[in-house]
Amino acid sequence: MTTTELKTEINKTLENIPEEALNDVLLYLQHLQAKAPSDIKLTSHLRQILTEDAELLEKLAQ
């Protein structure tokens, strides 16, 4: 997806976000703005690992 397409999809999605969550979304986006690109990439990879290995992590926690 191009940057323009991504921004369009984000805007479409924002239209359907409950009003109560909009402030949280704004704070999250502002938080991302303040981060270095390498930090964002690291966070993205960590989220992917946690998502993919959620079952394994649950077993390890027991």
Protein backbone atom coordinates (compact mmCIF):
# COMPACT_ATOMS: atom_id res chain seq x y z
CA MET A 1 0.00 0.00 0.00
CA THR A 2 1.20 3.50 -0.72
CA THR A 3 1.44 6.14 1.97
CA THR A 4 -1.61 7.92 0.53
CA GLU A 5 -3.62 4.71 0.54
CA LEU A 6 -2.59 3.97 4.12
CA LYS A 7 -3.61 7.44 5.27
CA THR A 8 -6.95 7.07 3.50
CA GLU A 9 -7.58 3.74 5.22
CA ILE A 10 -6.58 5.19 8.58
CA ASN A 11 -9.03 8.06 8.10
CA LYS A 12 -11.82 5.64 7.14
CA THR A 13 -11.09 3.57 10.24
CA LEU A 14 -11.07 6.65 12.47
CA GLU A 15 -14.59 7.44 11.34
CA ASN A 16 -15.74 4.21 13.00
CA ILE A 17 -13.75 4.50 16.24
CA PRO A 18 -15.97 5.11 19.29
CA GLU A 19 -15.77 8.70 20.47
CA GLU A 20 -14.53 7.57 23.88
CA ALA A 21 -11.41 6.04 22.29
CA LEU A 22 -10.43 8.97 20.07
CA ASN A 23 -8.33 10.66 22.74
CA ASP A 24 -6.38 7.42 23.30
CA VAL A 25 -5.78 7.11 19.56
CA LEU A 26 -4.55 10.71 19.41
CA LEU A 27 -2.20 10.18 22.36
CA TYR A 28 -0.83 7.01 20.77
CA LEU A 29 -0.18 8.79 17.46
CA GLN A 30 1.52 11.67 19.25
CA HIS A 31 3.63 9.15 21.14
CA LEU A 32 4.72 7.60 17.84
CA GLN A 33 5.63 11.01 16.44
CA ALA A 34 8.10 11.55 19.26
CA LYS A 35 9.88 8.23 18.71
CA ALA A 36 12.83 7.53 16.46
CA PRO A 37 12.08 5.31 13.45
CA SER A 38 14.32 2.57 14.87
CA ASP A 39 12.30 2.56 18.12
CA ILE A 40 9.07 2.26 16.16
CA LYS A 41 10.46 -0.68 14.19
CA LEU A 42 11.61 -2.37 17.40
CA THR A 43 8.17 -1.88 18.98
CA SER A 44 6.52 -3.30 15.87
CA HIS A 45 8.73 -6.39 15.94
CA LEU A 46 8.09 -6.92 19.64
CA ARG A 47 4.33 -6.66 19.10
CA GLN A 48 4.57 -9.20 16.29
CA ILE A 49 6.52 -11.62 18.46
CA LEU A 50 4.09 -11.26 21.35
CA THR A 51 1.11 -11.74 19.06
CA GLU A 52 2.54 -14.78 17.30
CA ASP A 53 3.82 -16.42 20.47
CA ALA A 54 0.98 -15.56 22.85
CA GLU A 55 0.19 -19.23 23.47
CA LEU A 56 3.83 -20.07 24.16
CA LEU A 57 4.17 -17.10 26.51
CA GLU A 58 1.08 -18.23 28.43
CA LYS A 59 2.57 -21.70 28.87
CA LEU A 60 5.87 -20.24 30.06
CA ALA A 61 4.08 -18.05 32.58
CA GLN A 62 2.41 -21.04 34.21
